[in-house]
Amino acid sequence: MLLVSRELCRKCVALRLPVGHTWNVRTLSLSQHVSRNKSISKDVKSQQDGGFTHKAREATRTTTYTAVILVGIGVTGLMIYTVCKELLSSFSPQTVYGAALEKCSAHPRVVDFLGDSIKGYGEESRRGRRQHVSHMGYEVEGCKGYRIKFHLKGQRRTATVNLDARQTANGWDFRYLYVQLDSYPYEVIVIEDNRETVFGSSGEAPDSSVPLHS
């Protein structure tokens, strides 16, 4: 009887060992699986956080670039508007300069002294660059005016142009426009002088620096 019991115990132990051993392996595999899942979850969360940060930075950069572009477009548009307004205005320094240059270039005495192919330009800088035509704006009795100075150059000589233009009831007109030669005989050629006719009623004294039309 004792021998039979011992044999049965040995068989039970022999049968239980593999079962217990397999259970331990499965338990270890389950722990590893849980640990791997936690690690994967951390990696996914880290990637999500990193992706969100990257997207936020990209959005900030895009917003900054867009703001800079919009500011640049606004400044450029304002500059274009200002230039176009001055060029298209019926009474502006550029309009007056263009009309004066046309009158001077077509005047027979100016062509006789300066020669053909007369060109107009502004003041020259120290580097020899021709700058914009100098002008000074003013207002008298509610009427705007401009005093402009520029230069002429022909095939033979150069000359300096001085003019004063002012608004009138019908638009604008020259108060005076004359050309002075830069070299001998230093003659002054009066193109127009309306200070005693068109603008005589304003009561303003004529400019002593500009010769009156005789």
Protein backbone atom coordinates (compact mmCIF):
# COMPACT_ATOMS: atom_id res chain seq x y z
CA MET A 1 0.00 0.00 0.00
CA LEU A 2 2.80 2.36 0.86
CA LEU A 3 4.59 1.51 -2.36
CA VAL A 4 1.51 2.29 -4.37
CA SER A 5 1.10 5.67 -2.62
CA ARG A 6 4.71 6.61 -3.27
CA GLU A 7 4.41 5.75 -6.93
CA LEU A 8 1.26 7.80 -7.21
CA CYS A 9 2.95 10.79 -5.53
CA ARG A 10 5.91 10.56 -7.86
CA LYS A 11 3.61 10.47 -10.87
CA CYS A 12 1.66 13.44 -9.56
CA VAL A 13 4.84 15.41 -9.03
CA ALA A 14 6.07 14.41 -12.46
CA LEU A 15 2.78 15.46 -13.99
CA ARG A 16 2.60 18.75 -12.07
CA LEU A 17 6.10 19.98 -12.84
CA PRO A 18 5.54 20.52 -16.54
CA VAL A 19 2.23 22.17 -15.81
CA GLY A 20 3.76 24.54 -13.28
CA HIS A 21 6.72 25.21 -15.51
CA THR A 22 4.46 26.10 -18.44
CA TRP A 23 2.38 28.40 -16.23
CA ASN A 24 5.52 30.27 -15.12
CA VAL A 25 6.58 30.77 -18.75
CA ARG A 26 3.16 32.04 -19.68
CA THR A 27 3.19 34.38 -16.71
CA LEU A 28 6.58 35.75 -17.78
CA SER A 29 5.40 36.18 -21.36
CA LEU A 30 2.32 38.10 -20.20
CA SER A 31 4.47 40.44 -18.09
CA GLN A 32 6.74 41.12 -21.03
CA HIS A 33 3.72 41.80 -23.23
CA VAL A 34 2.31 44.31 -20.72
CA SER A 35 5.71 46.00 -20.42
CA ARG A 36 6.02 46.26 -24.19
CA ASN A 37 2.55 47.76 -24.45
CA LYS A 38 3.45 50.39 -21.88
CA SER A 39 6.66 51.21 -23.76
CA ILE A 40 4.78 51.48 -27.06
CA SER A 41 2.18 53.73 -25.43
CA LYS A 42 4.92 56.02 -24.13
CA ASP A 43 6.55 56.16 -27.57
CA VAL A 44 3.24 56.94 -29.26
CA LYS A 45 2.48 59.65 -26.71
CA SER A 46 5.97 61.12 -27.14
CA GLN A 47 5.55 61.14 -30.91
CA GLN A 48 2.16 62.79 -30.59
CA ASP A 49 3.58 65.48 -28.29
CA GLY A 50 6.52 66.04 -30.63
CA GLY A 51 4.22 66.23 -33.64
CA PHE A 52 2.02 68.79 -31.92
CA THR A 53 5.03 70.93 -31.00
CA HIS A 54 6.36 70.75 -34.56
CA LYS A 55 2.98 71.72 -35.98
CA ALA A 56 2.74 74.64 -33.55
CA ARG A 57 6.17 75.90 -34.61
CA GLU A 58 5.30 75.57 -38.29
CA ALA A 59 2.04 77.43 -37.72
CA THR A 60 3.90 80.25 -35.94
CA ARG A 61 6.43 80.52 -38.76
CA THR A 62 3.69 80.56 -41.38
CA THR A 63 1.82 83.30 -39.50
CA THR A 64 4.99 85.39 -39.19
CA TYR A 65 5.86 85.04 -42.87
CA THR A 66 2.29 85.90 -43.86
CA ALA A 67 2.34 89.03 -41.68
CA VAL A 68 5.65 90.17 -43.19
CA ILE A 69 4.35 89.61 -46.73
CA LEU A 70 1.14 91.51 -46.01
CA VAL A 71 3.07 94.44 -44.53
CA GLY A 72 5.35 94.51 -47.57
CA ILE A 73 2.38 94.46 -49.93
CA GLY A 74 0.74 97.28 -47.98
CA VAL A 75 3.85 99.49 -48.07
CA THR A 76 4.38 98.81 -51.78
CA GLY A 77 0.74 99.58 -52.54
CA LEU A 78 0.95 102.85 -50.62
CA MET A 79 4.08 103.88 -52.53
CA ILE A 80 2.49 103.02 -55.88
CA TYR A 81 -0.65 104.93 -54.94
CA THR A 82 1.36 108.01 -53.95
CA VAL A 83 3.43 107.96 -57.15
CA CYS A 84 0.41 107.39 -59.39
CA LYS A 85 -1.55 110.11 -57.63
CA GLU A 86 1.28 112.57 -58.23
CA LEU A 87 1.78 111.54 -61.84
CA LEU A 88 -1.91 111.51 -62.75
CA SER A 89 -2.79 114.69 -60.91
CA SER A 90 -3.62 117.64 -63.15
CA PHE A 91 -1.45 119.91 -61.01
CA SER A 92 1.68 118.32 -59.60
CA PRO A 93 5.44 118.96 -59.79
CA GLN A 94 5.84 116.26 -62.44
CA THR A 95 3.01 117.67 -64.55
CA VAL A 96 4.40 121.20 -64.36
CA TYR A 97 7.93 119.98 -65.09
CA GLY A 98 6.76 118.09 -68.18
CA ALA A 99 4.86 121.09 -69.54
CA ALA A 100 7.80 123.44 -68.89
CA LEU A 101 10.29 121.10 -70.56
CA GLU A 102 8.06 120.86 -73.62
CA LYS A 103 7.74 124.65 -73.88
CA CYS A 104 11.46 125.24 -73.43
CA SER A 105 12.50 122.57 -75.93
CA ALA A 106 10.18 124.06 -78.57
CA HIS A 107 11.24 127.69 -78.06
CA PRO A 108 13.29 128.94 -81.07
CA ARG A 109 15.81 130.98 -79.07
CA VAL A 110 16.44 128.14 -76.62
CA VAL A 111 17.07 125.76 -79.51
CA ASP A 112 19.31 128.36 -81.17
CA PHE A 113 21.54 128.71 -78.10
CA LEU A 114 21.50 125.14 -76.78
CA GLY A 115 21.24 123.17 -80.01
CA ASP A 116 19.05 120.21 -80.89
CA SER A 117 18.16 117.16 -78.78
CA ILE A 118 17.44 119.18 -75.64
CA LYS A 119 17.00 117.12 -72.49
CA GLY A 120 15.91 118.09 -68.99
CA TYR A 121 17.30 116.79 -65.70
CA GLY A 122 17.47 117.60 -62.00
CA GLU A 123 20.32 118.61 -59.74
CA GLU A 124 23.52 116.59 -59.98
CA SER A 125 24.97 114.95 -56.88
CA ARG A 126 28.67 114.77 -56.01
CA ARG A 127 28.87 111.40 -57.72
CA GLY A 128 27.47 112.85 -60.92
CA ARG A 129 24.03 111.31 -60.51
CA ARG A 130 21.08 113.40 -61.64
CA GLN A 131 18.59 113.57 -58.83
CA HIS A 132 14.91 114.45 -58.86
CA VAL A 133 13.84 117.89 -59.99
CA SER A 134 13.89 120.23 -57.00
CA HIS A 135 10.61 121.96 -56.22
CA MET A 136 8.95 123.90 -53.42
CA GLY A 137 5.23 123.95 -52.80
CA TYR A 138 3.33 126.89 -51.33
CA GLU A 139 -0.20 128.26 -51.01
CA VAL A 140 -1.52 131.79 -51.59
CA GLU A 141 -5.15 132.74 -50.95
CA GLY A 142 -6.20 129.11 -51.04
CA CYS A 143 -4.41 128.40 -54.34
CA LYS A 144 -1.54 125.93 -54.44
CA GLY A 145 1.63 126.73 -56.30
CA TYR A 146 5.05 125.25 -57.12
CA ARG A 147 8.43 126.81 -57.72
CA ILE A 148 10.59 124.44 -59.71
CA LYS A 149 14.18 124.49 -60.87
CA PHE A 150 15.77 122.11 -63.37
CA HIS A 151 18.44 122.04 -66.07
CA LEU A 152 18.56 121.77 -69.85
CA LYS A 153 21.28 120.27 -72.00
CA GLY A 154 21.58 120.53 -75.76
CA GLN A 155 24.30 119.74 -78.25
CA ARG A 156 26.10 123.06 -77.65
CA ARG A 157 25.24 124.45 -74.21
CA THR A 158 23.49 123.91 -70.91
CA ALA A 159 21.00 126.18 -69.18
CA THR A 160 18.99 126.48 -65.97
CA VAL A 161 15.20 126.77 -65.89
CA ASN A 162 13.26 128.54 -63.14
CA LEU A 163 9.50 128.64 -63.01
CA ASP A 164 6.54 129.38 -60.81
CA ALA A 165 3.17 127.74 -61.51
CA ARG A 166 -0.07 128.27 -59.63
CA GLN A 167 -3.63 127.03 -59.67
CA THR A 168 -6.26 129.16 -61.39
CA ALA A 169 -10.02 129.03 -61.82
CA ASN A 170 -9.54 127.06 -65.05
CA GLY A 171 -6.80 124.72 -63.82
CA TRP A 172 -3.27 126.08 -63.51
CA ASP A 173 -0.85 128.34 -65.36
CA PHE A 174 2.73 129.57 -65.27
CA ARG A 175 3.34 132.76 -63.35
CA TYR A 176 6.75 132.86 -64.97
CA LEU A 177 9.01 130.53 -66.90
CA TYR A 178 12.48 131.52 -68.02
CA VAL A 179 15.75 129.93 -69.15
CA GLN A 180 19.18 131.27 -68.22
CA LEU A 181 22.29 130.14 -70.08
CA ASP A 182 25.02 128.63 -67.91
CA SER A 183 27.83 130.06 -70.06
CA TYR A 184 28.57 133.20 -72.05
CA PRO A 185 26.59 135.26 -73.01
CA TYR A 186 24.54 134.22 -69.88
CA GLU A 187 21.41 135.42 -71.57
CA VAL A 188 17.98 135.07 -69.97
CA ILE A 189 15.23 133.81 -72.26
CA VAL A 190 11.74 134.50 -70.94
CA ILE A 191 9.30 131.83 -72.10
CA GLU A 192 6.25 133.09 -70.18
CA ASP A 193 5.56 135.88 -67.71
CA ASN A 194 1.97 136.21 -66.49
CA ARG A 195 2.57 137.99 -63.19
CA GLU A 196 1.02 141.25 -64.39
CA THR A 197 -1.82 139.68 -66.36
CA VAL A 198 -3.29 136.41 -65.12
CA PHE A 199 -2.05 136.80 -61.55
CA GLY A 200 -2.04 140.59 -61.35
CA SER A 201 -5.27 140.70 -59.32
CA SER A 202 -3.75 138.77 -56.42
CA GLY A 203 -1.97 141.90 -55.23
CA GLU A 204 1.27 139.99 -54.75
CA ALA A 205 4.47 141.86 -55.56
CA PRO A 206 6.43 140.39 -58.48
CA ASP A 207 9.59 138.43 -57.73
CA SER A 208 12.58 140.74 -57.95
CA SER A 209 14.88 137.81 -58.75
CA VAL A 210 13.06 137.06 -62.00
CA PRO A 211 13.18 139.50 -64.92
CA LEU A 212 9.87 140.84 -66.16
CA HIS A 213 8.87 140.33 -69.75
CA SER A 214 9.61 143.52 -71.65
